[in-house]
Amino acid sequence: MYLNSCNANKIVSVLAGGAGVAAIVGFITGATGIGAAAAGIAAGILTIGSAAIAYCNAKGRGIGFHVLPVGAPWCASQ
């Protein structure tokens, strides 16, 4: 799958926003402990995903996502 640089930036923004929402939910549900842990994990995963996409789009030319039947997926700048 190929994304141009504008769409890649939109995905980074959405993931970062989702991480912020998850962190706020974790803070609000901190009294129970369970919700805070789940929200913290979700925020961490969203932040790592956002950073990975931003890294792949660092050259500002878009991203190519590559997935093989065997092995880990990877991305590269176009």
Protein backbone atom coordinates (compact mmCIF):
# COMPACT_ATOMS: atom_id res chain seq x y z
CA MET A 1 0.00 0.00 0.00
CA TYR A 2 1.33 3.42 -0.87
CA LEU A 3 0.40 6.71 0.79
CA ASN A 4 1.37 10.17 -0.29
CA SER A 5 2.99 12.45 2.29
CA CYS A 6 -0.25 14.32 3.05
CA ASN A 7 -2.18 11.15 3.93
CA ALA A 8 0.76 9.83 5.95
CA ASN A 9 0.76 13.05 7.99
CA LYS A 10 -2.98 12.70 8.57
CA ILE A 11 -2.50 9.16 9.90
CA VAL A 12 0.27 10.34 12.24
CA SER A 13 -2.02 13.07 13.57
CA VAL A 14 -4.93 10.70 14.13
CA LEU A 15 -2.75 8.17 15.95
CA ALA A 16 -1.22 10.87 18.14
CA GLY A 17 -4.68 12.21 18.95
CA GLY A 18 -5.87 8.73 19.85
CA ALA A 19 -2.91 8.31 22.17
CA GLY A 20 -3.84 11.56 23.90
CA VAL A 21 -7.44 10.43 24.34
CA ALA A 22 -6.28 7.08 25.75
CA ALA A 23 -4.00 8.86 28.22
CA ILE A 24 -6.86 11.08 29.40
CA VAL A 25 -9.14 8.05 29.79
CA GLY A 26 -6.41 6.36 31.83
CA PHE A 27 -6.16 9.38 34.11
CA ILE A 28 -9.93 9.56 34.60
CA THR A 29 -10.30 5.84 35.29
CA GLY A 30 -7.21 5.74 37.50
CA ALA A 31 -9.33 5.09 40.59
CA THR A 32 -10.12 1.53 39.49
CA GLY A 33 -6.65 0.66 38.23
CA ILE A 34 -7.84 -1.69 35.50
CA GLY A 35 -9.00 1.02 33.12
CA ALA A 36 -5.83 3.00 33.68
CA ALA A 37 -3.60 0.06 32.78
CA ALA A 38 -5.58 -0.73 29.61
CA ALA A 39 -5.62 2.93 28.57
CA GLY A 40 -1.89 3.21 29.22
CA ILE A 41 -1.19 0.20 27.02
CA ALA A 42 -3.43 1.60 24.26
CA ALA A 43 -1.70 4.99 24.48
CA GLY A 44 1.70 3.32 24.22
CA ILE A 45 0.74 1.27 21.17
CA LEU A 46 -0.77 4.30 19.41
CA THR A 47 2.32 6.40 20.17
CA ILE A 48 4.68 3.73 18.83
CA GLY A 49 2.57 3.41 15.66
CA SER A 50 2.55 7.16 15.17
CA ALA A 51 6.31 7.35 15.60
CA ALA A 52 6.89 4.49 13.14
CA ILE A 53 4.78 6.11 10.43
CA ALA A 54 6.38 9.52 11.04
CA TYR A 55 9.83 7.91 10.74
CA CYS A 56 8.93 6.26 7.44
CA ASN A 57 7.59 9.57 6.12
CA ALA A 58 10.60 11.59 7.31
CA LYS A 59 11.76 12.35 3.77
CA GLY A 60 8.36 13.89 2.99
CA ARG A 61 7.74 11.80 -0.13
CA GLY A 62 5.12 9.38 1.16
CA ILE A 63 5.25 5.83 2.42
CA GLY A 64 5.21 2.37 0.93
CA PHE A 65 3.91 -0.34 3.31
CA HIS A 66 5.15 -3.82 2.49
CA VAL A 67 3.69 -7.05 3.89
CA LEU A 68 4.85 -10.54 2.98
CA PRO A 69 3.04 -13.79 3.83
CA VAL A 70 5.98 -14.65 6.10
CA GLY A 71 7.88 -12.17 8.23
CA ALA A 72 7.32 -8.79 9.72
CA PRO A 73 5.75 -5.91 7.76
CA TRP A 74 7.89 -2.87 7.03
CA CYS A 75 7.60 0.56 5.49
CA ALA A 76 9.92 2.74 3.49
CA SER A 77 9.91 6.21 2.02
CA GLN A 78 8.86 6.43 -1.62
